[in-house]
Amino acid sequence: MESSTKNANSEGHYIFLVLTVMVGLVGVYLRFAEFPHATLVSNIILFIASMVCLRAVFGILK
């Protein structure tokens, strides 16, 4: 039980979460960009960032 708590409180998990949230914010800001296919690119970035962020959260809960 102790190692599970230590793993959940690992600093690396939370740094990774912050980075994936920042990537997701880049996707949000790209929605307002004025170049062809901006919406497509932003949706792909948001989808990837969301999946990676969820994977990190489930890694913490594990």
PDB file of N, CA and C in Angstrom:
ATOM      1  N   MET A   1       0.824  -1.195   0.000  1.00  0.00           N
ATOM      2  CA  MET A   1       0.000   0.000   0.000  1.00  0.00           C
ATOM      3  C   MET A   1       0.867   1.257   0.000  1.00  0.00           C
ATOM      4  N   GLU A   2       1.960   1.214   0.727  1.00  0.00           N
ATOM      5  CA  GLU A   2       2.845   2.374   0.825  1.00  0.00           C
ATOM      6  C   GLU A   2       3.455   2.722  -0.531  1.00  0.00           C
ATOM      7  N   SER A   3       3.874   1.708  -1.294  1.00  0.00           N
ATOM      8  CA  SER A   3       4.494   1.993  -2.597  1.00  0.00           C
ATOM      9  C   SER A   3       3.473   2.549  -3.578  1.00  0.00           C
ATOM     10  N   SER A   4       2.208   2.150  -3.454  1.00  0.00           N
ATOM     11  CA  SER A   4       1.150   2.688  -4.305  1.00  0.00           C
ATOM     12  C   SER A   4       0.944   4.179  -4.041  1.00  0.00           C
ATOM     13  N   THR A   5       0.955   4.549  -2.767  1.00  0.00           N
ATOM     14  CA  THR A   5       0.804   5.961  -2.402  1.00  0.00           C
ATOM     15  C   THR A   5       2.008   6.764  -2.854  1.00  0.00           C
ATOM     16  N   LYS A   6       3.193   6.187  -2.704  1.00  0.00           N
ATOM     17  CA  LYS A   6       4.408   6.879  -3.128  1.00  0.00           C
ATOM     18  C   LYS A   6       4.399   7.080  -4.642  1.00  0.00           C
ATOM     19  N   ASN A   7       3.934   6.074  -5.382  1.00  0.00           N
ATOM     20  CA  ASN A   7       3.854   6.184  -6.839  1.00  0.00           C
ATOM     21  C   ASN A   7       2.840   7.255  -7.240  1.00  0.00           C
ATOM     22  N   ALA A   8       1.705   7.320  -6.548  1.00  0.00           N
ATOM     23  CA  ALA A   8       0.674   8.312  -6.879  1.00  0.00           C
ATOM     24  C   ALA A   8       1.156   9.729  -6.591  1.00  0.00           C
ATOM     25  N   ASN A   9       2.014   9.889  -5.598  1.00  0.00           N
ATOM     26  CA  ASN A   9       2.508  11.218  -5.251  1.00  0.00           C
ATOM     27  C   ASN A   9       3.790  11.591  -5.982  1.00  0.00           C
ATOM     28  N   SER A  10       4.177  10.785  -6.942  1.00  0.00           N
ATOM     29  CA  SER A  10       5.389  11.055  -7.702  1.00  0.00           C
ATOM     30  C   SER A  10       5.267  12.367  -8.478  1.00  0.00           C
ATOM     31  N   GLU A  11       6.303  13.158  -8.402  1.00  0.00           N
ATOM     32  CA  GLU A  11       6.304  14.471  -9.053  1.00  0.00           C
ATOM     33  C   GLU A  11       6.216  14.349 -10.571  1.00  0.00           C
ATOM     34  N   GLY A  12       6.770  13.288 -11.119  1.00  0.00           N
ATOM     35  CA  GLY A  12       6.772  13.098 -12.566  1.00  0.00           C
ATOM     36  C   GLY A  12       5.382  13.012 -13.161  1.00  0.00           C
ATOM     37  N   HIS A  13       4.443  12.409 -12.435  1.00  0.00           N
ATOM     38  CA  HIS A  13       3.066  12.309 -12.930  1.00  0.00           C
ATOM     39  C   HIS A  13       2.459  13.695 -13.128  1.00  0.00           C
ATOM     40  N   TYR A  14       2.677  14.545 -12.175  1.00  0.00           N
ATOM     41  CA  TYR A  14       2.032  15.850 -12.208  1.00  0.00           C
ATOM     42  C   TYR A  14       2.705  16.793 -13.203  1.00  0.00           C
ATOM     43  N   ILE A  15       3.986  16.668 -13.381  1.00  0.00           N
ATOM     44  CA  ILE A  15       4.671  17.438 -14.431  1.00  0.00           C
ATOM     45  C   ILE A  15       4.141  17.020 -15.794  1.00  0.00           C
ATOM     46  N   PHE A  16       3.978  15.716 -15.992  1.00  0.00           N
ATOM     47  CA  PHE A  16       3.439  15.193 -17.243  1.00  0.00           C
ATOM     48  C   PHE A  16       2.021  15.703 -17.475  1.00  0.00           C
ATOM     49  N   LEU A  17       1.196  15.739 -16.430  1.00  0.00           N
ATOM     50  CA  LEU A  17      -0.162  16.262 -16.561  1.00  0.00           C
ATOM     51  C   LEU A  17      -0.169  17.732 -16.965  1.00  0.00           C
ATOM     52  N   VAL A  18       0.688  18.517 -16.348  1.00  0.00           N
ATOM     53  CA  VAL A  18       0.756  19.943 -16.689  1.00  0.00           C
ATOM     54  C   VAL A  18       1.168  20.121 -18.147  1.00  0.00           C
ATOM     55  N   LEU A  19       2.130  19.340 -18.599  1.00  0.00           N
ATOM     56  CA  LEU A  19       2.567  19.441 -19.998  1.00  0.00           C
ATOM     57  C   LEU A  19       1.460  19.052 -20.964  1.00  0.00           C
ATOM     58  N   THR A  20       0.707  18.006 -20.648  1.00  0.00           N
ATOM     59  CA  THR A  20      -0.370  17.616 -21.559  1.00  0.00           C
ATOM     60  C   THR A  20      -1.505  18.637 -21.562  1.00  0.00           C
ATOM     61  N   VAL A  21      -1.767  19.258 -20.435  1.00  0.00           N
ATOM     62  CA  VAL A  21      -2.780  20.316 -20.403  1.00  0.00           C
ATOM     63  C   VAL A  21      -2.317  21.508 -21.232  1.00  0.00           C
ATOM     64  N   MET A  22      -1.031  21.828 -21.176  1.00  0.00           N
ATOM     65  CA  MET A  22      -0.499  22.924 -21.980  1.00  0.00           C
ATOM     66  C   MET A  22      -0.621  22.615 -23.474  1.00  0.00           C
ATOM     67  N   VAL A  23      -0.366  21.376 -23.861  1.00  0.00           N
ATOM     68  CA  VAL A  23      -0.534  20.979 -25.264  1.00  0.00           C
ATOM     69  C   VAL A  23      -2.001  21.113 -25.666  1.00  0.00           C
ATOM     70  N   GLY A  24      -2.905  20.733 -24.771  1.00  0.00           N
ATOM     71  CA  GLY A  24      -4.331  20.900 -25.044  1.00  0.00           C
ATOM     72  C   GLY A  24      -4.713  22.361 -25.224  1.00  0.00           C
ATOM     73  N   LEU A  25      -4.109  23.235 -24.442  1.00  0.00           N
ATOM     74  CA  LEU A  25      -4.374  24.666 -24.602  1.00  0.00           C
ATOM     75  C   LEU A  25      -3.877  25.191 -25.939  1.00  0.00           C
ATOM     76  N   VAL A  26      -2.776  24.648 -26.424  1.00  0.00           N
ATOM     77  CA  VAL A  26      -2.299  25.025 -27.763  1.00  0.00           C
ATOM     78  C   VAL A  26      -3.357  24.658 -28.796  1.00  0.00           C
ATOM     79  N   GLY A  27      -3.970  23.487 -28.628  1.00  0.00           N
ATOM     80  CA  GLY A  27      -5.045  23.083 -29.529  1.00  0.00           C
ATOM     81  C   GLY A  27      -6.232  24.026 -29.469  1.00  0.00           C
ATOM     82  N   VAL A  28      -6.561  24.503 -28.272  1.00  0.00           N
ATOM     83  CA  VAL A  28      -7.674  25.443 -28.131  1.00  0.00           C
ATOM     84  C   VAL A  28      -7.344  26.763 -28.832  1.00  0.00           C
ATOM     85  N   TYR A  29      -6.139  27.259 -28.638  1.00  0.00           N
ATOM     86  CA  TYR A  29      -5.774  28.529 -29.265  1.00  0.00           C
ATOM     87  C   TYR A  29      -5.677  28.412 -30.787  1.00  0.00           C
ATOM     88  N   LEU A  30      -5.328  27.244 -31.276  1.00  0.00           N
ATOM     89  CA  LEU A  30      -5.256  27.062 -32.733  1.00  0.00           C
ATOM     90  C   LEU A  30      -6.632  27.128 -33.396  1.00  0.00           C
ATOM     91  N   ARG A  31      -7.681  26.943 -32.639  1.00  0.00           N
ATOM     92  CA  ARG A  31      -9.032  27.058 -33.207  1.00  0.00           C
ATOM     93  C   ARG A  31      -9.279  28.470 -33.755  1.00  0.00           C
ATOM     94  N   PHE A  32      -8.594  29.432 -33.205  1.00  0.00           N
ATOM     95  CA  PHE A  32      -8.797  30.821 -33.627  1.00  0.00           C
ATOM     96  C   PHE A  32      -7.761  31.275 -34.647  1.00  0.00           C
ATOM     97  N   ALA A  33      -6.919  30.363 -35.103  1.00  0.00           N
ATOM     98  CA  ALA A  33      -5.888  30.714 -36.074  1.00  0.00           C
ATOM     99  C   ALA A  33      -6.520  30.889 -37.452  1.00  0.00           C
ATOM    100  N   GLU A  34      -5.861  31.639 -38.258  1.00  0.00           N
ATOM    101  CA  GLU A  34      -6.350  31.930 -39.608  1.00  0.00           C
ATOM    102  C   GLU A  34      -5.477  31.246 -40.650  1.00  0.00           C
ATOM    103  N   PHE A  35      -5.500  29.933 -40.698  1.00  0.00           N
ATOM    104  CA  PHE A  35      -4.818  29.218 -41.764  1.00  0.00           C
ATOM    105  C   PHE A  35      -5.682  28.032 -42.163  1.00  0.00           C
ATOM    106  N   PRO A  36      -5.480  27.536 -43.375  1.00  0.00           N
ATOM    107  CA  PRO A  36      -6.321  26.422 -43.840  1.00  0.00           C
ATOM    108  C   PRO A  36      -6.190  25.207 -42.918  1.00  0.00           C
ATOM    109  N   HIS A  37      -7.295  24.566 -42.667  1.00  0.00           N
ATOM    110  CA  HIS A  37      -7.361  23.344 -41.850  1.00  0.00           C
ATOM    111  C   HIS A  37      -6.995  23.583 -40.385  1.00  0.00           C
ATOM    112  N   ALA A  38      -7.159  24.785 -39.902  1.00  0.00           N
ATOM    113  CA  ALA A  38      -6.833  25.084 -38.503  1.00  0.00           C
ATOM    114  C   ALA A  38      -7.725  24.284 -37.552  1.00  0.00           C
ATOM    115  N   THR A  39      -8.987  24.138 -37.899  1.00  0.00           N
ATOM    116  CA  THR A  39      -9.900  23.396 -37.045  1.00  0.00           C
ATOM    117  C   THR A  39      -9.509  21.927 -36.985  1.00  0.00           C
ATOM    118  N   LEU A  40      -9.138  21.365 -38.107  1.00  0.00           N
ATOM    119  CA  LEU A  40      -8.730  19.960 -38.139  1.00  0.00           C
ATOM    120  C   LEU A  40      -7.481  19.730 -37.291  1.00  0.00           C
ATOM    121  N   VAL A  41      -6.497  20.592 -37.450  1.00  0.00           N
ATOM    122  CA  VAL A  41      -5.254  20.471 -36.686  1.00  0.00           C
ATOM    123  C   VAL A  41      -5.528  20.630 -35.189  1.00  0.00           C
ATOM    124  N   SER A  42      -6.349  21.600 -34.828  1.00  0.00           N
ATOM    125  CA  SER A  42      -6.641  21.816 -33.416  1.00  0.00           C
ATOM    126  C   SER A  42      -7.417  20.646 -32.825  1.00  0.00           C
ATOM    127  N   ASN A  43      -8.350  20.068 -33.585  1.00  0.00           N
ATOM    128  CA  ASN A  43      -9.088  18.916 -33.077  1.00  0.00           C
ATOM    129  C   ASN A  43      -8.176  17.708 -32.876  1.00  0.00           C
ATOM    130  N   ILE A  44      -7.241  17.493 -33.765  1.00  0.00           N
ATOM    131  CA  ILE A  44      -6.295  16.380 -33.625  1.00  0.00           C
ATOM    132  C   ILE A  44      -5.419  16.587 -32.388  1.00  0.00           C
ATOM    133  N   ILE A  45      -4.916  17.804 -32.202  1.00  0.00           N
ATOM    134  CA  ILE A  45      -4.079  18.102 -31.038  1.00  0.00           C
ATOM    135  C   ILE A  45      -4.872  17.923 -29.748  1.00  0.00           C
ATOM    136  N   LEU A  46      -6.113  18.409 -29.726  1.00  0.00           N
ATOM    137  CA  LEU A  46      -6.943  18.263 -28.537  1.00  0.00           C
ATOM    138  C   LEU A  46      -7.240  16.797 -28.233  1.00  0.00           C
ATOM    139  N   PHE A  47      -7.510  16.005 -29.261  1.00  0.00           N
ATOM    140  CA  PHE A  47      -7.803  14.587 -29.058  1.00  0.00           C
ATOM    141  C   PHE A  47      -6.590  13.854 -28.483  1.00  0.00           C
ATOM    142  N   ILE A  48      -5.427  14.105 -29.071  1.00  0.00           N
ATOM    143  CA  ILE A  48      -4.206  13.436 -28.594  1.00  0.00           C
ATOM    144  C   ILE A  48      -3.885  13.866 -27.171  1.00  0.00           C
ATOM    145  N   ALA A  49      -3.981  15.161 -26.891  1.00  0.00           N
ATOM    146  CA  ALA A  49      -3.682  15.654 -25.541  1.00  0.00           C
ATOM    147  C   ALA A  49      -4.672  15.093 -24.523  1.00  0.00           C
ATOM    148  N   SER A  50      -5.924  14.972 -24.900  1.00  0.00           N
ATOM    149  CA  SER A  50      -6.928  14.418 -23.985  1.00  0.00           C
ATOM    150  C   SER A  50      -6.649  12.957 -23.677  1.00  0.00           C
ATOM    151  N   MET A  51      -6.301  12.186 -24.692  1.00  0.00           N
ATOM    152  CA  MET A  51      -6.017  10.768 -24.475  1.00  0.00           C
ATOM    153  C   MET A  51      -4.779  10.573 -23.599  1.00  0.00           C
ATOM    154  N   VAL A  52      -3.747  11.358 -23.850  1.00  0.00           N
ATOM    155  CA  VAL A  52      -2.519  11.241 -23.060  1.00  0.00           C
ATOM    156  C   VAL A  52      -2.773  11.682 -21.619  1.00  0.00           C
ATOM    157  N   CYS A  53      -3.570  12.737 -21.452  1.00  0.00           N
ATOM    158  CA  CYS A  53      -3.878  13.225 -20.110  1.00  0.00           C
ATOM    159  C   CYS A  53      -4.698  12.187 -19.337  1.00  0.00           C
ATOM    160  N   LEU A  54      -5.673  11.575 -19.984  1.00  0.00           N
ATOM    161  CA  LEU A  54      -6.450  10.531 -19.322  1.00  0.00           C
ATOM    162  C   LEU A  54      -5.580   9.336 -18.959  1.00  0.00           C
ATOM    163  N   ARG A  55      -4.653   8.999 -19.828  1.00  0.00           N
ATOM    164  CA  ARG A  55      -3.752   7.891 -19.534  1.00  0.00           C
ATOM    165  C   ARG A  55      -2.902   8.208 -18.299  1.00  0.00           C
ATOM    166  N   ALA A  56      -2.463   9.453 -18.192  1.00  0.00           N
ATOM    167  CA  ALA A  56      -1.665   9.861 -17.024  1.00  0.00           C
ATOM    168  C   ALA A  56      -2.504   9.805 -15.747  1.00  0.00           C
ATOM    169  N   VAL A  57      -3.743  10.254 -15.824  1.00  0.00           N
ATOM    170  CA  VAL A  57      -4.621  10.223 -14.652  1.00  0.00           C
ATOM    171  C   VAL A  57      -4.863   8.791 -14.204  1.00  0.00           C
ATOM    172  N   PHE A  58      -5.140   7.896 -15.164  1.00  0.00           N
ATOM    173  CA  PHE A  58      -5.369   6.503 -14.794  1.00  0.00           C
ATOM    174  C   PHE A  58      -4.081   5.846 -14.285  1.00  0.00           C
ATOM    175  N   GLY A  59      -2.942   6.333 -14.749  1.00  0.00           N
ATOM    176  CA  GLY A  59      -1.671   5.850 -14.213  1.00  0.00           C
ATOM    177  C   GLY A  59      -1.490   6.247 -12.760  1.00  0.00           C
ATOM    178  N   ILE A  60      -1.948   7.427 -12.404  1.00  0.00           N
ATOM    179  CA  ILE A  60      -1.871   7.876 -11.013  1.00  0.00           C
ATOM    180  C   ILE A  60      -2.830   7.053 -10.150  1.00  0.00           C
ATOM    181  N   LEU A  61      -4.017   6.808 -10.666  1.00  0.00           N
ATOM    182  CA  LEU A  61      -5.012   6.064  -9.890  1.00  0.00           C
ATOM    183  C   LEU A  61      -4.657   4.596  -9.727  1.00  0.00           C
ATOM    184  N   LYS A  62      -3.829   4.087 -10.605  1.00  0.00           N
ATOM    185  CA  LYS A  62      -3.469   2.678 -10.572  1.00  0.00           C
ATOM    186  C   LYS A  62      -2.634   2.321  -9.425  1.00  0.00           C
TER     187      LYS A  62
END
